[in-house]
Amino acid sequence: MITLALHGASAAVHDHHAGRVGSFGETIAALDDARGRGDPVEVETLVTRSSYRVLGVLPRLLHAHGVTSWRLAIATFAAQPARAVPRLAMALPFALHAIDRAGRLGLATVIVDAPRCLLGPLAARSVVTAPRSYPTPCQRCAVRPSCAGVEAAYVERFGSGELTPQ
């Protein structure tokens, strides 16, 4: 399996997040090369404050280029500048819409380390790679054992009001 990063369905969005002009074209060429060789390809997309609104157009592009699976990863304070980290309650509806679109195209899709309480009927698409902080609302949540929680830095910056125990 080959894993490539694709952060948007246009050069403007992807190149901005990749930090290099021309990266989008190179990534699309790599997708097509892998498809030509018959290699399965997974794409990982970083969900940021500036990209979440355009996630919905990615499934069709990924499908057209033979991508076999898609991972959406929410930007974190540990890995990205603070200005890149989105409010979960704002970004996740767009991510969930994109996941639904991907599913309709037969594209296997997961969302990485997102709190389950904000994923609604698509909570089963959540993948936990590293449990994090569980603020006060999470203490009585029934799905906490299978939830990634949130970054402590996220709670410090935005609070925990978005989290709703189940």
Protein backbone atom coordinates (compact mmCIF):
# COMPACT_ATOMS: atom_id res chain seq x y z
CA MET A 1 0.00 0.00 0.00
CA ILE A 2 1.28 3.44 -0.96
CA THR A 3 0.23 6.38 1.22
CA LEU A 4 0.22 9.89 -0.21
CA ALA A 5 -0.80 13.22 1.30
CA LEU A 6 -3.41 15.20 -0.60
CA HIS A 7 -4.84 18.18 1.24
CA GLY A 8 -7.21 19.60 -1.33
CA ALA A 9 -8.79 18.99 -4.72
CA SER A 10 -7.04 21.99 -6.27
CA ALA A 11 -3.45 23.11 -6.60
CA ALA A 12 -4.17 26.27 -4.60
CA VAL A 13 -5.40 24.37 -1.54
CA HIS A 14 -2.98 21.46 -1.65
CA ASP A 15 0.13 23.50 -2.48
CA HIS A 16 -0.67 25.94 0.34
CA HIS A 17 -0.80 23.12 2.89
CA ALA A 18 2.17 21.26 1.40
CA GLY A 19 4.18 24.49 1.44
CA ARG A 20 5.37 24.08 -2.14
CA VAL A 21 4.05 25.16 -5.52
CA GLY A 22 3.75 22.19 -7.86
CA SER A 23 3.14 19.63 -5.13
CA PHE A 24 -0.46 19.05 -6.23
CA GLY A 25 0.58 18.10 -9.77
CA GLU A 26 3.30 15.80 -8.44
CA THR A 27 0.86 14.08 -6.11
CA ILE A 28 -1.73 13.55 -8.84
CA ALA A 29 1.01 12.11 -11.07
CA ALA A 30 2.07 9.76 -8.25
CA LEU A 31 -1.56 8.63 -7.83
CA ASP A 32 -1.83 7.88 -11.53
CA ASP A 33 1.54 6.07 -11.59
CA ALA A 34 0.47 3.87 -8.67
CA ARG A 35 -2.85 3.11 -10.34
CA GLY A 36 -1.03 2.21 -13.56
CA ARG A 37 1.11 -0.29 -11.63
CA GLY A 38 -1.93 -1.68 -9.82
CA ASP A 39 -0.67 -0.57 -6.40
CA PRO A 40 -3.34 0.18 -3.80
CA VAL A 41 -3.18 3.81 -2.72
CA GLU A 42 -4.27 5.41 0.54
CA VAL A 43 -4.55 9.18 0.75
CA GLU A 44 -4.25 11.12 3.98
CA THR A 45 -5.78 14.58 4.17
CA LEU A 46 -5.00 17.01 6.96
CA VAL A 47 -8.14 18.83 8.08
CA THR A 48 -7.16 22.39 8.95
CA ARG A 49 -8.87 25.65 9.68
CA SER A 50 -8.31 26.71 6.08
CA SER A 51 -9.14 23.41 4.35
CA TYR A 52 -12.20 21.93 6.04
CA ARG A 53 -14.69 23.86 3.93
CA VAL A 54 -13.45 22.25 0.69
CA LEU A 55 -13.25 18.61 1.80
CA GLY A 56 -16.48 17.71 0.03
CA VAL A 57 -14.92 17.89 -3.44
CA LEU A 58 -12.08 15.49 -2.64
CA PRO A 59 -13.99 12.16 -2.79
CA ARG A 60 -14.79 12.48 -6.49
CA LEU A 61 -11.15 13.35 -7.29
CA LEU A 62 -9.83 10.47 -5.19
CA HIS A 63 -12.25 8.04 -6.80
CA ALA A 64 -11.33 9.24 -10.30
CA HIS A 65 -7.65 8.56 -9.57
CA GLY A 66 -8.20 5.05 -8.22
CA VAL A 67 -7.56 5.74 -4.53
CA THR A 68 -8.58 2.73 -2.43
CA SER A 69 -8.79 4.33 1.02
CA TRP A 70 -8.86 7.80 2.56
CA ARG A 71 -7.82 8.99 6.01
CA LEU A 72 -8.87 12.36 7.35
CA ALA A 73 -6.65 13.65 10.16
CA ILE A 74 -7.59 16.71 12.19
CA ALA A 75 -4.71 19.18 12.60
CA THR A 76 -3.37 19.18 16.16
CA PHE A 77 -1.48 21.73 18.21
CA ALA A 78 1.31 19.19 18.68
CA ALA A 79 1.96 18.93 14.94
CA GLN A 80 0.73 22.18 13.36
CA PRO A 81 0.85 25.92 14.05
CA ALA A 82 -2.03 27.01 16.31
CA ARG A 83 -3.57 28.99 13.45
CA ALA A 84 -4.09 25.74 11.49
CA VAL A 85 -6.12 23.92 14.15
CA PRO A 86 -9.87 24.15 13.48
CA ARG A 87 -12.72 24.24 15.95
CA LEU A 88 -14.00 20.69 15.93
CA ALA A 89 -17.68 21.65 15.93
CA MET A 90 -17.06 23.74 12.82
CA ALA A 91 -14.76 21.38 10.89
CA LEU A 92 -16.28 17.99 11.63
CA PRO A 93 -19.63 18.57 9.85
CA PHE A 94 -17.68 19.24 6.65
CA ALA A 95 -15.48 16.19 7.25
CA LEU A 96 -18.54 14.01 7.89
CA HIS A 97 -20.18 15.26 4.71
CA ALA A 98 -17.01 14.35 2.78
CA ILE A 99 -16.93 10.91 4.43
CA ASP A 100 -20.55 10.34 3.42
CA ARG A 101 -19.77 11.36 -0.18
CA ALA A 102 -16.75 9.04 -0.22
CA GLY A 103 -18.90 6.16 1.02
CA ARG A 104 -21.39 6.70 -1.78
CA LEU A 105 -18.49 6.29 -4.21
CA GLY A 106 -17.30 3.11 -2.50
CA LEU A 107 -14.17 4.75 -1.08
CA ALA A 108 -13.22 3.34 2.34
CA THR A 109 -12.77 6.33 4.63
CA VAL A 110 -11.83 6.89 8.27
CA ILE A 111 -11.32 9.91 10.47
CA VAL A 112 -8.34 9.81 12.80
CA ASP A 113 -8.44 10.77 16.49
CA ALA A 114 -11.70 12.72 16.42
CA PRO A 115 -13.91 12.65 19.52
CA ARG A 116 -16.73 10.16 18.92
CA CYS A 117 -19.40 12.42 20.43
CA LEU A 118 -18.99 14.81 17.49
CA LEU A 119 -19.21 12.16 14.76
CA GLY A 120 -22.89 11.26 15.03
CA PRO A 121 -23.92 8.28 12.90
CA LEU A 122 -20.42 8.06 11.39
CA ALA A 123 -18.71 7.41 14.73
CA ALA A 124 -17.85 3.90 13.55
CA ARG A 125 -15.50 5.50 11.01
CA SER A 126 -13.30 6.79 13.85
CA VAL A 127 -9.80 5.40 14.28
CA VAL A 128 -7.98 6.02 17.54
CA THR A 129 -4.21 6.15 17.22
CA ALA A 130 -3.43 7.81 20.54
CA PRO A 131 -5.86 8.50 23.39
CA ARG A 132 -5.49 12.06 24.61
CA SER A 133 -7.20 14.23 27.19
CA TYR A 134 -10.69 13.60 28.53
CA PRO A 135 -12.04 16.87 29.99
CA THR A 136 -14.94 17.07 32.44
CA PRO A 137 -17.78 16.33 29.95
CA CYS A 138 -15.99 13.11 28.96
CA GLN A 139 -15.80 11.73 32.49
CA ARG A 140 -19.31 10.26 32.36
CA CYS A 141 -19.36 9.33 28.66
CA ALA A 142 -20.24 5.73 27.83
CA VAL A 143 -18.10 5.67 24.66
CA ARG A 144 -14.95 6.99 26.33
CA PRO A 145 -13.13 3.60 26.07
CA SER A 146 -13.33 3.80 22.26
CA CYS A 147 -12.83 7.56 21.95
CA ALA A 148 -9.65 9.47 21.18
CA GLY A 149 -10.66 12.36 23.41
CA VAL A 150 -9.14 15.73 22.57
CA GLU A 151 -5.76 17.35 22.85
CA ALA A 152 -5.19 19.12 26.19
CA ALA A 153 -4.02 22.17 24.21
CA TYR A 154 -7.32 22.13 22.31
CA VAL A 155 -9.27 22.33 25.58
CA GLU A 156 -6.99 25.11 26.84
CA ARG A 157 -7.63 27.17 23.71
CA PHE A 158 -11.27 26.38 22.89
CA GLY A 159 -12.73 24.82 26.04
CA SER A 160 -14.77 21.63 26.19
CA GLY A 161 -18.25 23.01 25.48
CA GLU A 162 -18.44 21.24 22.12
CA LEU A 163 -18.14 17.79 23.71
CA THR A 164 -21.36 16.02 24.55
CA PRO A 165 -21.22 12.81 26.60
CA GLN A 166 -23.15 9.87 25.25
